[in-house]
């Protein structure tokens, strides 16, 4: 029997549930950042990130981090967090982690990029918990 994988709508619902667990003061600062679920990063993203495989990227923040925004900036596009469905599913299966936990961790990580945190700063924050 063929296993039916969670679709984009299911991942979006998990992301909404995960987003609701973030403290309200942080959620307010992320207001207006769109969360979009797609199967895989596009070729341009893969090339820019120098990925060996599109499965190497679980999520991506696309926009101007809060610490780099200025009133002089003209917004060209909506800030967006991409969640990549197939890599998320593969990661959850490979690690045995619950899909909700994987989505939540990736979402929080990408929100950290919205605030301008580097990967190293976010790892230090995660390790201090």
C-alpha atoms as a PDB file:
ATOM      1  CA  UNK A   1       0.000   0.000   0.000  1.00  0.00           C
ATOM      2  CA  UNK A   2       1.292   3.475  -0.883  1.00  0.00           C
ATOM      3  CA  UNK A   3       1.735   5.898   1.993  1.00  0.00           C
ATOM      4  CA  UNK A   4       0.033   9.263   1.514  1.00  0.00           C
ATOM      5  CA  UNK A   5       2.398  12.066   2.474  1.00  0.00           C
ATOM      6  CA  UNK A   6       1.126  15.191   4.231  1.00  0.00           C
ATOM      7  CA  UNK A   7       0.268  17.871   1.670  1.00  0.00           C
ATOM      8  CA  UNK A   8       1.113  21.585   1.751  1.00  0.00           C
ATOM      9  CA  UNK A   9      -2.153  22.386   3.538  1.00  0.00           C
ATOM     10  CA  UNK A  10      -1.256  19.971   6.345  1.00  0.00           C
ATOM     11  CA  UNK A  11       2.199  21.562   6.732  1.00  0.00           C
ATOM     12  CA  UNK A  12       0.581  25.033   6.762  1.00  0.00           C
ATOM     13  CA  UNK A  13      -1.723  23.905   9.584  1.00  0.00           C
ATOM     14  CA  UNK A  14       1.259  22.563  11.537  1.00  0.00           C
ATOM     15  CA  UNK A  15       3.070  25.876  10.960  1.00  0.00           C
ATOM     16  CA  UNK A  16       0.026  27.832  12.182  1.00  0.00           C
ATOM     17  CA  UNK A  17      -0.129  25.648  15.293  1.00  0.00           C
ATOM     18  CA  UNK A  18       3.607  26.133  15.853  1.00  0.00           C
ATOM     19  CA  UNK A  19       3.345  29.891  15.283  1.00  0.00           C
ATOM     20  CA  UNK A  20       0.644  30.075  17.962  1.00  0.00           C
ATOM     21  CA  UNK A  21       3.143  28.698  20.530  1.00  0.00           C
ATOM     22  CA  UNK A  22       5.552  31.600  20.010  1.00  0.00           C
ATOM     23  CA  UNK A  23       5.291  34.318  22.688  1.00  0.00           C
ATOM     24  CA  UNK A  24       2.825  37.027  21.676  1.00  0.00           C
ATOM     25  CA  UNK A  25       5.355  39.883  21.810  1.00  0.00           C
ATOM     26  CA  UNK A  26       7.457  38.068  19.194  1.00  0.00           C
ATOM     27  CA  UNK A  27       4.428  37.089  17.094  1.00  0.00           C
ATOM     28  CA  UNK A  28       3.417  40.757  16.846  1.00  0.00           C
ATOM     29  CA  UNK A  29       6.825  41.630  15.414  1.00  0.00           C
ATOM     30  CA  UNK A  30       6.458  38.949  12.758  1.00  0.00           C
ATOM     31  CA  UNK A  31       3.058  40.286  11.696  1.00  0.00           C
ATOM     32  CA  UNK A  32       2.974  40.666   7.945  1.00  0.00           C
ATOM     33  CA  UNK A  33       5.555  37.959   7.257  1.00  0.00           C
ATOM     34  CA  UNK A  34       3.899  35.406   5.000  1.00  0.00           C
ATOM     35  CA  UNK A  35       4.481  31.703   5.550  1.00  0.00           C
ATOM     36  CA  UNK A  36       4.440  29.712   2.337  1.00  0.00           C
ATOM     37  CA  UNK A  37       4.778  25.955   1.922  1.00  0.00           C
ATOM     38  CA  UNK A  38       6.249  24.652  -1.322  1.00  0.00           C
ATOM     39  CA  UNK A  39       7.603  21.224  -2.192  1.00  0.00           C
ATOM     40  CA  UNK A  40      11.244  22.177  -2.845  1.00  0.00           C
ATOM     41  CA  UNK A  41      13.423  25.274  -3.142  1.00  0.00           C
ATOM     42  CA  UNK A  42      13.590  26.560  -6.711  1.00  0.00           C
ATOM     43  CA  UNK A  43      16.710  26.238  -8.876  1.00  0.00           C
ATOM     44  CA  UNK A  44      17.754  29.841  -8.234  1.00  0.00           C
ATOM     45  CA  UNK A  45      17.619  29.372  -4.456  1.00  0.00           C
ATOM     46  CA  UNK A  46      19.567  26.111  -4.731  1.00  0.00           C
ATOM     47  CA  UNK A  47      22.245  27.862  -6.804  1.00  0.00           C
ATOM     48  CA  UNK A  48      22.428  30.924  -4.518  1.00  0.00           C
ATOM     49  CA  UNK A  49      22.680  28.730  -1.408  1.00  0.00           C
ATOM     50  CA  UNK A  50      25.139  26.388  -3.178  1.00  0.00           C
ATOM     51  CA  UNK A  51      23.084  23.370  -2.157  1.00  0.00           C
ATOM     52  CA  UNK A  52      24.224  19.908  -3.146  1.00  0.00           C
ATOM     53  CA  UNK A  53      20.588  18.825  -3.075  1.00  0.00           C
ATOM     54  CA  UNK A  54      17.287  20.690  -2.715  1.00  0.00           C
ATOM     55  CA  UNK A  55      16.701  18.399   0.280  1.00  0.00           C
ATOM     56  CA  UNK A  56      19.505  20.224   2.119  1.00  0.00           C
ATOM     57  CA  UNK A  57      17.189  23.172   2.890  1.00  0.00           C
ATOM     58  CA  UNK A  58      14.170  22.838   5.180  1.00  0.00           C
ATOM     59  CA  UNK A  59      13.138  26.474   5.264  1.00  0.00           C
ATOM     60  CA  UNK A  60      14.224  29.933   4.191  1.00  0.00           C
ATOM     61  CA  UNK A  61      13.512  33.501   5.311  1.00  0.00           C
ATOM     62  CA  UNK A  62      13.266  35.844   2.340  1.00  0.00           C
ATOM     63  CA  UNK A  63      13.164  39.538   3.164  1.00  0.00           C
ATOM     64  CA  UNK A  64      14.912  42.331   4.987  1.00  0.00           C
ATOM     65  CA  UNK A  65      15.673  41.448   8.621  1.00  0.00           C
ATOM     66  CA  UNK A  66      14.242  43.862  11.199  1.00  0.00           C
ATOM     67  CA  UNK A  67      17.707  45.014  12.239  1.00  0.00           C
ATOM     68  CA  UNK A  68      18.471  46.050   8.637  1.00  0.00           C
ATOM     69  CA  UNK A  69      15.168  47.775   7.867  1.00  0.00           C
ATOM     70  CA  UNK A  70      14.996  51.527   7.468  1.00  0.00           C
ATOM     71  CA  UNK A  71      12.254  54.042   6.839  1.00  0.00           C
ATOM     72  CA  UNK A  72      14.195  54.821   3.676  1.00  0.00           C
ATOM     73  CA  UNK A  73      13.710  51.261   2.387  1.00  0.00           C
ATOM     74  CA  UNK A  74      11.054  50.860  -0.245  1.00  0.00           C
ATOM     75  CA  UNK A  75       9.456  47.477   0.299  1.00  0.00           C
ATOM     76  CA  UNK A  76       9.799  45.524  -2.941  1.00  0.00           C
ATOM     77  CA  UNK A  77       8.089  42.396  -1.763  1.00  0.00           C
ATOM     78  CA  UNK A  78       6.444  40.838   1.264  1.00  0.00           C
ATOM     79  CA  UNK A  79       8.821  39.251   3.761  1.00  0.00           C
ATOM     80  CA  UNK A  80       8.256  35.532   3.511  1.00  0.00           C
ATOM     81  CA  UNK A  81       9.205  32.335   5.267  1.00  0.00           C
ATOM     82  CA  UNK A  82       9.337  29.352   2.957  1.00  0.00           C
ATOM     83  CA  UNK A  83       8.860  25.890   4.405  1.00  0.00           C
ATOM     84  CA  UNK A  84       9.964  23.132   2.053  1.00  0.00           C
ATOM     85  CA  UNK A  85       7.529  20.241   2.372  1.00  0.00           C
ATOM     86  CA  UNK A  86       9.504  17.339   0.887  1.00  0.00           C
ATOM     87  CA  UNK A  87      12.761  18.091   2.771  1.00  0.00           C
ATOM     88  CA  UNK A  88      10.760  18.535   6.006  1.00  0.00           C
ATOM     89  CA  UNK A  89       9.084  15.165   5.497  1.00  0.00           C
ATOM     90  CA  UNK A  90      12.383  13.470   4.624  1.00  0.00           C
ATOM     91  CA  UNK A  91      14.109  14.993   7.662  1.00  0.00           C
ATOM     92  CA  UNK A  92      11.313  13.900  10.013  1.00  0.00           C
ATOM     93  CA  UNK A  93      11.424  10.379   8.595  1.00  0.00           C
ATOM     94  CA  UNK A  94      15.245  10.158   8.686  1.00  0.00           C
ATOM     95  CA  UNK A  95      15.533  11.429  12.275  1.00  0.00           C
ATOM     96  CA  UNK A  96      12.355   9.938  13.707  1.00  0.00           C
ATOM     97  CA  UNK A  97      11.355  13.387  15.000  1.00  0.00           C
ATOM     98  CA  UNK A  98       7.707  14.342  15.092  1.00  0.00           C
ATOM     99  CA  UNK A  99       6.782  16.378  12.008  1.00  0.00           C
ATOM    100  CA  UNK A 100       5.189  19.105  14.149  1.00  0.00           C
ATOM    101  CA  UNK A 101       8.432  19.509  16.117  1.00  0.00           C
ATOM    102  CA  UNK A 102      10.470  19.712  12.914  1.00  0.00           C
ATOM    103  CA  UNK A 103       8.144  22.338  11.421  1.00  0.00           C
ATOM    104  CA  UNK A 104       8.163  24.320  14.679  1.00  0.00           C
ATOM    105  CA  UNK A 105      11.974  24.293  14.938  1.00  0.00           C
ATOM    106  CA  UNK A 106      12.408  25.365  11.314  1.00  0.00           C
ATOM    107  CA  UNK A 107       9.757  28.082  11.667  1.00  0.00           C
ATOM    108  CA  UNK A 108      11.393  29.475  14.817  1.00  0.00           C
ATOM    109  CA  UNK A 109      14.790  29.340  13.098  1.00  0.00           C
ATOM    110  CA  UNK A 110      13.501  31.310  10.112  1.00  0.00           C
ATOM    111  CA  UNK A 111      11.747  33.821  12.389  1.00  0.00           C
ATOM    112  CA  UNK A 112      15.155  34.294  14.005  1.00  0.00           C
ATOM    113  CA  UNK A 113      16.467  35.345  10.591  1.00  0.00           C
ATOM    114  CA  UNK A 114      13.600  37.876  10.400  1.00  0.00           C
ATOM    115  CA  UNK A 115      15.022  39.397  13.583  1.00  0.00           C
ATOM    116  CA  UNK A 116      18.485  39.406  12.047  1.00  0.00           C
ATOM    117  CA  UNK A 117      20.016  36.580  14.077  1.00  0.00           C
ATOM    118  CA  UNK A 118      22.774  34.583  12.427  1.00  0.00           C
ATOM    119  CA  UNK A 119      22.746  30.772  12.423  1.00  0.00           C
ATOM    120  CA  UNK A 120      25.506  30.869  15.052  1.00  0.00           C
ATOM    121  CA  UNK A 121      23.502  33.207  17.328  1.00  0.00           C
ATOM    122  CA  UNK A 122      20.424  30.982  17.035  1.00  0.00           C
ATOM    123  CA  UNK A 123      22.471  27.857  17.830  1.00  0.00           C
ATOM    124  CA  UNK A 124      23.824  29.585  20.937  1.00  0.00           C
ATOM    125  CA  UNK A 125      20.279  30.509  21.993  1.00  0.00           C
ATOM    126  CA  UNK A 126      19.050  26.948  21.399  1.00  0.00           C
ATOM    127  CA  UNK A 127      21.990  25.495  23.376  1.00  0.00           C
ATOM    128  CA  UNK A 128      21.309  27.817  26.346  1.00  0.00           C
ATOM    129  CA  UNK A 129      17.787  26.375  26.833  1.00  0.00           C
END
